[in-house]
Protein backbone atom coordinates (compact mmCIF):
# COMPACT_ATOMS: atom_id res chain seq x y z
CA MET A 1 15.44 69.69 41.11
CA ARG A 2 16.61 66.43 39.59
CA LEU A 3 14.68 63.54 38.10
CA VAL A 4 15.86 59.96 38.41
CA VAL A 5 14.71 57.90 35.44
CA ALA A 6 14.60 54.10 35.37
CA HIS A 7 13.36 52.09 32.38
CA GLY A 8 12.08 55.26 30.70
CA GLU A 9 9.90 56.28 33.67
CA VAL A 10 10.49 58.84 36.40
CA ALA A 11 11.49 56.89 39.51
CA ALA A 12 12.13 59.72 41.96
CA VAL A 13 12.40 63.47 42.32
CA ARG A 14 15.29 65.01 44.25
CA VAL A 15 14.93 68.53 45.50
CA GLY A 16 18.48 69.82 45.70
CA GLN A 17 17.98 73.03 47.61
CA ARG A 18 16.12 74.39 50.59
CA ILE A 19 12.42 75.01 49.87
CA GLY A 20 10.88 77.24 52.49
CA THR A 21 11.53 75.41 55.75
CA VAL A 22 12.19 72.03 54.09
CA ASP A 23 15.79 70.82 53.64
CA ALA A 24 17.00 69.14 50.46
CA GLN A 25 15.53 65.67 50.26
CA TRP A 26 14.19 62.85 48.15
CA ILE A 27 10.43 63.07 47.97
CA PRO A 28 7.74 60.70 46.75
CA TYR A 29 5.82 61.57 43.63
CA ALA A 30 2.38 60.80 42.32
CA PRO A 31 1.77 60.55 38.58
CA VAL A 32 -1.22 62.62 37.44
CA THR A 33 -2.96 62.98 34.09
CA ARG A 34 -3.53 66.76 34.24
CA LEU A 35 -1.04 68.51 36.51
CA ASP A 36 -2.77 71.90 36.71
CA ASP A 37 -6.13 70.30 37.57
CA ALA A 38 -4.51 68.10 40.23
CA VAL A 39 -2.75 71.05 41.88
CA ARG A 40 -5.93 73.12 41.81
CA ARG A 41 -7.80 70.30 43.59
CA GLU A 42 -5.04 69.74 46.14
CA THR A 43 -4.89 73.44 47.05
CA GLU A 44 -8.69 73.46 47.43
CA LEU A 45 -8.19 70.67 49.97
CA GLY A 46 -5.59 72.68 51.91
CA ALA A 47 -2.25 71.87 50.27
CA THR A 48 0.33 74.57 49.58
CA VAL A 49 2.58 74.77 46.51
CA VAL A 50 6.17 74.80 47.80
CA ARG A 51 7.85 74.57 44.40
CA PRO A 52 6.09 75.96 41.33
CA ARG A 53 5.84 74.08 38.07
CA VAL A 54 9.09 72.96 36.47
CA ASP A 55 8.97 71.64 32.91
CA PHE A 56 11.41 68.96 31.70
CA ALA A 57 11.59 67.22 28.34
CA ALA A 58 10.03 64.11 29.95
CA GLY A 59 7.26 65.90 31.83
CA SER A 60 6.31 68.54 34.38
CA VAL A 61 6.34 68.55 38.18
CA ILE A 62 4.92 70.69 40.99
CA VAL A 63 5.84 70.07 44.64
CA ILE A 64 3.08 70.47 47.22
CA GLN A 65 2.84 70.18 50.98
CA ASP A 66 -0.27 69.04 52.82
CA PRO A 67 -1.60 70.85 55.92
CA ASN A 68 0.31 68.39 58.16
CA GLY A 69 3.66 69.07 56.45
CA ALA A 70 3.96 66.01 54.19
CA THR A 71 5.64 66.87 50.88
CA LEU A 72 4.68 65.28 47.56
CA ALA A 73 5.68 65.90 43.95
CA LEU A 74 2.88 65.71 41.39
CA TRP A 75 4.24 64.51 38.03
CA GLU A 76 2.66 64.73 34.58
CA SER A 77 4.49 62.76 31.90
CA HIS A 78 4.76 64.22 28.40
CA ALA A 79 4.93 60.69 26.93
C-alpha cells in the first residue's frame, strides 16, 4: 500500500497487490476522525474489511468494500 501526499495531506491511496478478488488499483479515500469507530459502523451497515489497518507515520488506513463491491479507504490522520 502506498500513500500519495500533496501539500502535506494524503491525496490518494494505491493498493499495490491483489486484495481478495480485487486487482491492484488506485482507490478513493474518506478522511475520518476515529478510524476504528468508522470501520465498526461501516461493517454494521454491511461493509467488509478487505485490507486490515495499516499504520504510517502520517496516519492509519483501513480498506473496506461495500455490499455492492465498491472499495473505499478510510483514513485517519495523525496530524
